[in-house]
Amino acid sequence: MSENETSTVPTISASAIWALERLADIRYGRDTPALGWSITRELIGAGFVRYPTNGRGSVSITAAGQTFLKNRK
């Protein structure tokens, strides 16, 4: 590997990773955890979560977010 290669995986904070893991654990109709606006913006900016198109409801994990979590294990 050369030193000039860059990673295409976004760097996110430990808090954002924790929040993404909590969002992934949602099952059986439970509500999503409340996220602070800065964590939400960080996850949206990384492409790991998205808002519904109508602007109502809560964030949901994207395929990129699921892949990120899977690769961490």
PDB file of N, CA and C in Angstrom:
ATOM      1  N   MET A   1       0.838  -1.178   0.000  1.00  0.00           N
ATOM      2  CA  MET A   1       0.000   0.000   0.000  1.00  0.00           C
ATOM      3  C   MET A   1       0.883   1.242   0.000  1.00  0.00           C
ATOM      4  N   SER A   2       0.460   2.230  -0.704  1.00  0.00           N
ATOM      5  CA  SER A   2       1.240   3.461  -0.739  1.00  0.00           C
ATOM      6  C   SER A   2       0.696   4.458   0.271  1.00  0.00           C
ATOM      7  N   GLU A   3       1.515   5.427   0.606  1.00  0.00           N
ATOM      8  CA  GLU A   3       1.101   6.453   1.563  1.00  0.00           C
ATOM      9  C   GLU A   3       0.095   7.418   0.957  1.00  0.00           C
ATOM     10  N   ASN A   4      -0.015   7.435  -0.363  1.00  0.00           N
ATOM     11  CA  ASN A   4      -0.901   8.375  -1.040  1.00  0.00           C
ATOM     12  C   ASN A   4      -2.351   7.906  -1.073  1.00  0.00           C
ATOM     13  N   GLU A   5      -2.595   6.647  -0.721  1.00  0.00           N
ATOM     14  CA  GLU A   5      -3.960   6.146  -0.741  1.00  0.00           C
ATOM     15  C   GLU A   5      -4.753   6.779   0.393  1.00  0.00           C
ATOM     16  N   THR A   6      -6.002   7.099   0.098  1.00  0.00           N
ATOM     17  CA  THR A   6      -6.876   7.661   1.127  1.00  0.00           C
ATOM     18  C   THR A   6      -8.065   6.740   1.304  1.00  0.00           C
ATOM     19  N   SER A   7      -8.585   6.715   2.472  1.00  0.00           N
ATOM     20  CA  SER A   7      -9.739   5.890   2.778  1.00  0.00           C
ATOM     21  C   SER A   7     -11.005   6.603   2.319  1.00  0.00           C
ATOM     22  N   THR A   8     -11.963   5.832   1.799  1.00  0.00           N
ATOM     23  CA  THR A   8     -13.241   6.409   1.401  1.00  0.00           C
ATOM     24  C   THR A   8     -14.269   6.301   2.524  1.00  0.00           C
ATOM     25  N   VAL A   9     -13.883   5.680   3.633  1.00  0.00           N
ATOM     26  CA  VAL A   9     -14.786   5.553   4.767  1.00  0.00           C
ATOM     27  C   VAL A   9     -14.747   6.845   5.576  1.00  0.00           C
ATOM     28  N   PRO A  10     -15.915   7.477   5.793  1.00  0.00           N
ATOM     29  CA  PRO A  10     -15.930   8.714   6.570  1.00  0.00           C
ATOM     30  C   PRO A  10     -15.474   8.476   8.005  1.00  0.00           C
ATOM     31  N   THR A  11     -14.788   9.444   8.561  1.00  0.00           N
ATOM     32  CA  THR A  11     -14.385   9.384   9.959  1.00  0.00           C
ATOM     33  C   THR A  11     -15.477  10.044  10.787  1.00  0.00           C
ATOM     34  N   ILE A  12     -15.997   9.301  11.751  1.00  0.00           N
ATOM     35  CA  ILE A  12     -17.019   9.866  12.627  1.00  0.00           C
ATOM     36  C   ILE A  12     -16.587   9.666  14.077  1.00  0.00           C
ATOM     37  N   SER A  13     -17.159  10.461  14.945  1.00  0.00           N
ATOM     38  CA  SER A  13     -16.780  10.435  16.360  1.00  0.00           C
ATOM     39  C   SER A  13     -17.283   9.162  17.041  1.00  0.00           C
ATOM     40  N   ALA A  14     -16.712   8.889  18.196  1.00  0.00           N
ATOM     41  CA  ALA A  14     -17.150   7.737  18.992  1.00  0.00           C
ATOM     42  C   ALA A  14     -18.619   7.884  19.390  1.00  0.00           C
ATOM     43  N   SER A  15     -19.046   9.109  19.653  1.00  0.00           N
ATOM     44  CA  SER A  15     -20.451   9.351  20.006  1.00  0.00           C
ATOM     45  C   SER A  15     -21.375   9.018  18.848  1.00  0.00           C
ATOM     46  N   ALA A  16     -20.957   9.366  17.639  1.00  0.00           N
ATOM     47  CA  ALA A  16     -21.768   9.068  16.461  1.00  0.00           C
ATOM     48  C   ALA A  16     -21.822   7.561  16.212  1.00  0.00           C
ATOM     49  N   ILE A  17     -20.710   6.878  16.435  1.00  0.00           N
ATOM     50  CA  ILE A  17     -20.699   5.417  16.280  1.00  0.00           C
ATOM     51  C   ILE A  17     -21.644   4.783  17.293  1.00  0.00           C
ATOM     52  N   TRP A  18     -21.589   5.250  18.534  1.00  0.00           N
ATOM     53  CA  TRP A  18     -22.484   4.735  19.569  1.00  0.00           C
ATOM     54  C   TRP A  18     -23.943   4.944  19.163  1.00  0.00           C
ATOM     55  N   ALA A  19     -24.271   6.131  18.672  1.00  0.00           N
ATOM     56  CA  ALA A  19     -25.640   6.435  18.262  1.00  0.00           C
ATOM     57  C   ALA A  19     -26.068   5.548  17.099  1.00  0.00           C
ATOM     58  N   LEU A  20     -25.180   5.326  16.146  1.00  0.00           N
ATOM     59  CA  LEU A  20     -25.491   4.469  15.005  1.00  0.00           C
ATOM     60  C   LEU A  20     -25.750   3.036  15.468  1.00  0.00           C
ATOM     61  N   GLU A  21     -24.968   2.560  16.414  1.00  0.00           N
ATOM     62  CA  GLU A  21     -25.185   1.219  16.967  1.00  0.00           C
ATOM     63  C   GLU A  21     -26.532   1.127  17.669  1.00  0.00           C
ATOM     64  N   ARG A  22     -26.929   2.176  18.405  1.00  0.00           N
ATOM     65  CA  ARG A  22     -28.237   2.170  19.074  1.00  0.00           C
ATOM     66  C   ARG A  22     -29.362   2.173  18.042  1.00  0.00           C
ATOM     67  N   LEU A  23     -29.205   2.925  16.967  1.00  0.00           N
ATOM     68  CA  LEU A  23     -30.225   2.938  15.920  1.00  0.00           C
ATOM     69  C   LEU A  23     -30.358   1.563  15.274  1.00  0.00           C
ATOM     70  N   ALA A  24     -29.251   0.852  15.139  1.00  0.00           N
ATOM     71  CA  ALA A  24     -29.270  -0.473  14.520  1.00  0.00           C
ATOM     72  C   ALA A  24     -29.936  -1.505  15.419  1.00  0.00           C
ATOM     73  N   ASP A  25     -29.958  -1.260  16.726  1.00  0.00           N
ATOM     74  CA  ASP A  25     -30.536  -2.216  17.672  1.00  0.00           C
ATOM     75  C   ASP A  25     -32.046  -2.104  17.809  1.00  0.00           C
ATOM     76  N   ILE A  26     -32.668  -1.154  17.144  1.00  0.00           N
ATOM     77  CA  ILE A  26     -34.109  -0.951  17.266  1.00  0.00           C
ATOM     78  C   ILE A  26     -34.833  -2.170  16.700  1.00  0.00           C
ATOM     79  N   ARG A  27     -35.718  -2.735  17.519  1.00  0.00           N
ATOM     80  CA  ARG A  27     -36.475  -3.906  17.084  1.00  0.00           C
ATOM     81  C   ARG A  27     -37.873  -3.870  17.691  1.00  0.00           C
ATOM     82  N   TYR A  28     -38.774  -4.559  17.046  1.00  0.00           N
ATOM     83  CA  TYR A  28     -40.116  -4.798  17.567  1.00  0.00           C
ATOM     84  C   TYR A  28     -40.883  -3.521  17.862  1.00  0.00           C
ATOM     85  N   GLY A  29     -40.761  -2.535  16.981  1.00  0.00           N
ATOM     86  CA  GLY A  29     -41.563  -1.327  17.083  1.00  0.00           C
ATOM     87  C   GLY A  29     -41.144  -0.330  18.140  1.00  0.00           C
ATOM     88  N   ARG A  30     -40.003  -0.531  18.742  1.00  0.00           N
ATOM     89  CA  ARG A  30     -39.547   0.445  19.740  1.00  0.00           C
ATOM     90  C   ARG A  30     -39.143   1.736  19.047  1.00  0.00           C
ATOM     91  N   ASP A  31     -39.291   2.828  19.766  1.00  0.00           N
ATOM     92  CA  ASP A  31     -38.909   4.128  19.214  1.00  0.00           C
ATOM     93  C   ASP A  31     -37.397   4.234  19.085  1.00  0.00           C
ATOM     94  N   THR A  32     -36.980   5.062  18.156  1.00  0.00           N
ATOM     95  CA  THR A  32     -35.550   5.315  18.001  1.00  0.00           C
ATOM     96  C   THR A  32     -35.069   6.202  19.136  1.00  0.00           C
ATOM     97  N   PRO A  33     -33.813   6.079  19.510  1.00  0.00           N
ATOM     98  CA  PRO A  33     -33.299   6.936  20.581  1.00  0.00           C
ATOM     99  C   PRO A  33     -33.228   8.392  20.130  1.00  0.00           C
ATOM    100  N   ALA A  34     -33.350   9.299  21.076  1.00  0.00           N
ATOM    101  CA  ALA A  34     -33.225  10.724  20.764  1.00  0.00           C
ATOM    102  C   ALA A  34     -31.756  11.040  20.498  1.00  0.00           C
ATOM    103  N   LEU A  35     -31.492  11.695  19.385  1.00  0.00           N
ATOM    104  CA  LEU A  35     -30.128  12.063  19.025  1.00  0.00           C
ATOM    105  C   LEU A  35     -29.982  13.572  19.079  1.00  0.00           C
ATOM    106  N   GLY A  36     -28.848  14.030  19.544  1.00  0.00           N
ATOM    107  CA  GLY A  36     -28.556  15.456  19.509  1.00  0.00           C
ATOM    108  C   GLY A  36     -28.382  15.911  18.065  1.00  0.00           C
ATOM    109  N   TRP A  37     -28.615  17.196  17.823  1.00  0.00           N
ATOM    110  CA  TRP A  37     -28.554  17.690  16.443  1.00  0.00           C
ATOM    111  C   TRP A  37     -27.163  17.536  15.847  1.00  0.00           C
ATOM    112  N   SER A  38     -26.114  17.687  16.649  1.00  0.00           N
ATOM    113  CA  SER A  38     -24.759  17.593  16.092  1.00  0.00           C
ATOM    114  C   SER A  38     -24.430  16.162  15.670  1.00  0.00           C
ATOM    115  N   ILE A  39     -24.867  15.192  16.460  1.00  0.00           N
ATOM    116  CA  ILE A  39     -24.648  13.785  16.101  1.00  0.00           C
ATOM    117  C   ILE A  39     -25.472  13.436  14.869  1.00  0.00           C
ATOM    118  N   THR A  40     -26.705  13.908  14.835  1.00  0.00           N
ATOM    119  CA  THR A  40     -27.561  13.644  13.678  1.00  0.00           C
ATOM    120  C   THR A  40     -26.940  14.213  12.409  1.00  0.00           C
ATOM    121  N   ARG A  41     -26.458  15.455  12.473  1.00  0.00           N
ATOM    122  CA  ARG A  41     -25.830  16.079  11.300  1.00  0.00           C
ATOM    123  C   ARG A  41     -24.571  15.317  10.881  1.00  0.00           C
ATOM    124  N   GLU A  42     -23.809  14.850  11.862  1.00  0.00           N
ATOM    125  CA  GLU A  42     -22.588  14.099  11.564  1.00  0.00           C
ATOM    126  C   GLU A  42     -22.926  12.798  10.832  1.00  0.00           C
ATOM    127  N   LEU A  43     -23.944  12.090  11.305  1.00  0.00           N
ATOM    128  CA  LEU A  43     -24.333  10.828  10.673  1.00  0.00           C
ATOM    129  C   LEU A  43     -24.943  11.047   9.292  1.00  0.00           C
ATOM    130  N   ILE A  44     -25.732  12.109   9.146  1.00  0.00           N
ATOM    131  CA  ILE A  44     -26.300  12.426   7.827  1.00  0.00           C
ATOM    132  C   ILE A  44     -25.187  12.819   6.869  1.00  0.00           C
ATOM    133  N   GLY A  45     -24.249  13.643   7.337  1.00  0.00           N
ATOM    134  CA  GLY A  45     -23.126  14.066   6.503  1.00  0.00           C
ATOM    135  C   GLY A  45     -22.262  12.905   6.041  1.00  0.00           C
ATOM    136  N   ALA A  46     -22.140  11.883   6.888  1.00  0.00           N
ATOM    137  CA  ALA A  46     -21.358  10.701   6.528  1.00  0.00           C
ATOM    138  C   ALA A  46     -22.149   9.771   5.613  1.00  0.00           C
ATOM    139  N   GLY A  47     -23.449  10.016   5.482  1.00  0.00           N
ATOM    140  CA  GLY A  47     -24.288   9.174   4.634  1.00  0.00           C
ATOM    141  C   GLY A  47     -24.777   7.914   5.328  1.00  0.00           C
ATOM    142  N   PHE A  48     -24.706   7.891   6.673  1.00  0.00           N
ATOM    143  CA  PHE A  48     -25.074   6.692   7.414  1.00  0.00           C
ATOM    144  C   PHE A  48     -26.533   6.671   7.857  1.00  0.00           C
ATOM    145  N   VAL A  49     -27.178   7.824   7.914  1.00  0.00           N
ATOM    146  CA  VAL A  49     -28.605   7.892   8.234  1.00  0.00           C
ATOM    147  C   VAL A  49     -29.263   8.912   7.308  1.00  0.00           C
ATOM    148  N   ARG A  50     -30.601   8.844   7.241  1.00  0.00           N
ATOM    149  CA  ARG A  50     -31.354   9.809   6.426  1.00  0.00           C
ATOM    150  C   ARG A  50     -32.685  10.105   7.102  1.00  0.00           C
ATOM    151  N   TYR A  51     -33.223  11.263   6.763  1.00  0.00           N
ATOM    152  CA  TYR A  51     -34.554  11.647   7.205  1.00  0.00           C
ATOM    153  C   TYR A  51     -35.552  11.204   6.154  1.00  0.00           C
ATOM    154  N   PRO A  52     -36.799  10.942   6.549  1.00  0.00           N
ATOM    155  CA  PRO A  52     -37.830  10.661   5.552  1.00  0.00           C
ATOM    156  C   PRO A  52     -38.010  11.871   4.637  1.00  0.00           C
ATOM    157  N   THR A  53     -38.432  11.638   3.419  1.00  0.00           N
ATOM    158  CA  THR A  53     -38.557  12.731   2.451  1.00  0.00           C
ATOM    159  C   THR A  53     -39.588  13.768   2.869  1.00  0.00           C
ATOM    160  N   ASN A  54     -40.602  13.368   3.627  1.00  0.00           N
ATOM    161  CA  ASN A  54     -41.614  14.339   4.046  1.00  0.00           C
ATOM    162  C   ASN A  54     -41.194  15.122   5.286  1.00  0.00           C
ATOM    163  N   GLY A  55     -40.025  14.803   5.861  1.00  0.00           N
ATOM    164  CA  GLY A  55     -39.520  15.541   7.011  1.00  0.00           C
ATOM    165  C   GLY A  55     -40.138  15.145   8.335  1.00  0.00           C
ATOM    166  N   ARG A  56     -41.026  14.174   8.322  1.00  0.00           N
ATOM    167  CA  ARG A  56     -41.652  13.717   9.563  1.00  0.00           C
ATOM    168  C   ARG A  56     -41.072  12.370   9.958  1.00  0.00           C
ATOM    169  N   GLY A  57     -41.156  12.082  11.214  1.00  0.00           N
ATOM    170  CA  GLY A  57     -40.642  10.808  11.692  1.00  0.00           C
ATOM    171  C   GLY A  57     -39.198  10.924  12.125  1.00  0.00           C
ATOM    172  N   SER A  58     -38.558   9.793  12.247  1.00  0.00           N
ATOM    173  CA  SER A  58     -37.194   9.780  12.760  1.00  0.00           C
ATOM    174  C   SER A  58     -36.220   9.337  11.675  1.00  0.00           C
ATOM    175  N   VAL A  59     -34.946   9.435  11.995  1.00  0.00           N
ATOM    176  CA  VAL A  59     -33.914   9.037  11.048  1.00  0.00           C
ATOM    177  C   VAL A  59     -33.907   7.526  10.907  1.00  0.00           C
ATOM    178  N   SER A  60     -33.395   7.049   9.777  1.00  0.00           N
ATOM    179  CA  SER A  60     -33.235   5.618   9.564  1.00  0.00           C
ATOM    180  C   SER A  60     -31.846   5.365   8.996  1.00  0.00           C
ATOM    181  N   ILE A  61     -31.340   4.188   9.259  1.00  0.00           N
ATOM    182  CA  ILE A  61     -29.996   3.827   8.814  1.00  0.00           C
ATOM    183  C   ILE A  61     -30.014   3.512   7.326  1.00  0.00           C
ATOM    184  N   THR A  62     -29.011   3.996   6.619  1.00  0.00           N
ATOM    185  CA  THR A  62     -28.858   3.702   5.195  1.00  0.00           C
ATOM    186  C   THR A  62     -28.053   2.417   5.028  1.00  0.00           C
ATOM    187  N   ALA A  63     -27.969   1.942   3.795  1.00  0.00           N
ATOM    188  CA  ALA A  63     -27.153   0.759   3.502  1.00  0.00           C
ATOM    189  C   ALA A  63     -25.692   1.018   3.860  1.00  0.00           C
ATOM    190  N   ALA A  64     -25.224   2.242   3.638  1.00  0.00           N
ATOM    191  CA  ALA A  64     -23.839   2.586   3.985  1.00  0.00           C
ATOM    192  C   ALA A  64     -23.620   2.493   5.492  1.00  0.00           C
ATOM    193  N   GLY A  65     -24.600   2.908   6.270  1.00  0.00           N
ATOM    194  CA  GLY A  65     -24.501   2.809   7.723  1.00  0.00           C
ATOM    195  C   GLY A  65     -24.471   1.366   8.192  1.00  0.00           C
ATOM    196  N   GLN A  66     -25.289   0.527   7.578  1.00  0.00           N
ATOM    197  CA  GLN A  66     -25.296  -0.893   7.924  1.00  0.00           C
ATOM    198  C   GLN A  66     -23.969  -1.548   7.566  1.00  0.00           C
ATOM    199  N   THR A  67     -23.424  -1.198   6.411  1.00  0.00           N
ATOM    200  CA  THR A  67     -22.133  -1.742   5.990  1.00  0.00           C
ATOM    201  C   THR A  67     -21.027  -1.292   6.934  1.00  0.00           C
ATOM    202  N   PHE A  68     -21.049  -0.025   7.332  1.00  0.00           N
ATOM    203  CA  PHE A  68     -20.051   0.495   8.264  1.00  0.00           C
ATOM    204  C   PHE A  68     -20.054  -0.305   9.564  1.00  0.00           C
ATOM    205  N   LEU A  69     -21.247  -0.547  10.107  1.00  0.00           N
ATOM    206  CA  LEU A  69     -21.341  -1.299  11.359  1.00  0.00           C
ATOM    207  C   LEU A  69     -20.892  -2.747  11.182  1.00  0.00           C
ATOM    208  N   LYS A  70     -21.265  -3.346  10.066  1.00  0.00           N
ATOM    209  CA  LYS A  70     -20.870  -4.732   9.808  1.00  0.00           C
ATOM    210  C   LYS A  70     -19.355  -4.859   9.713  1.00  0.00           C
ATOM    211  N   ASN A  71     -18.705  -3.892   9.088  1.00  0.00           N
ATOM    212  CA  ASN A  71     -17.250  -3.929   8.925  1.00  0.00           C
ATOM    213  C   ASN A  71     -16.508  -3.664  10.229  1.00  0.00           C
ATOM    214  N   ARG A  72     -17.164  -3.085  11.213  1.00  0.00           N
ATOM    215  CA  ARG A  72     -16.526  -2.821  12.511  1.00  0.00           C
ATOM    216  C   ARG A  72     -16.430  -4.074  13.362  1.00  0.00           C
ATOM    217  N   LYS A  73     -17.264  -5.067  13.077  1.00  0.00           N
ATOM    218  CA  LYS A  73     -17.297  -6.286  13.911  1.00  0.00           C
ATOM    219  C   LYS A  73     -16.197  -7.232  13.562  1.00  0.00           C
TER     220      LYS A  73
END
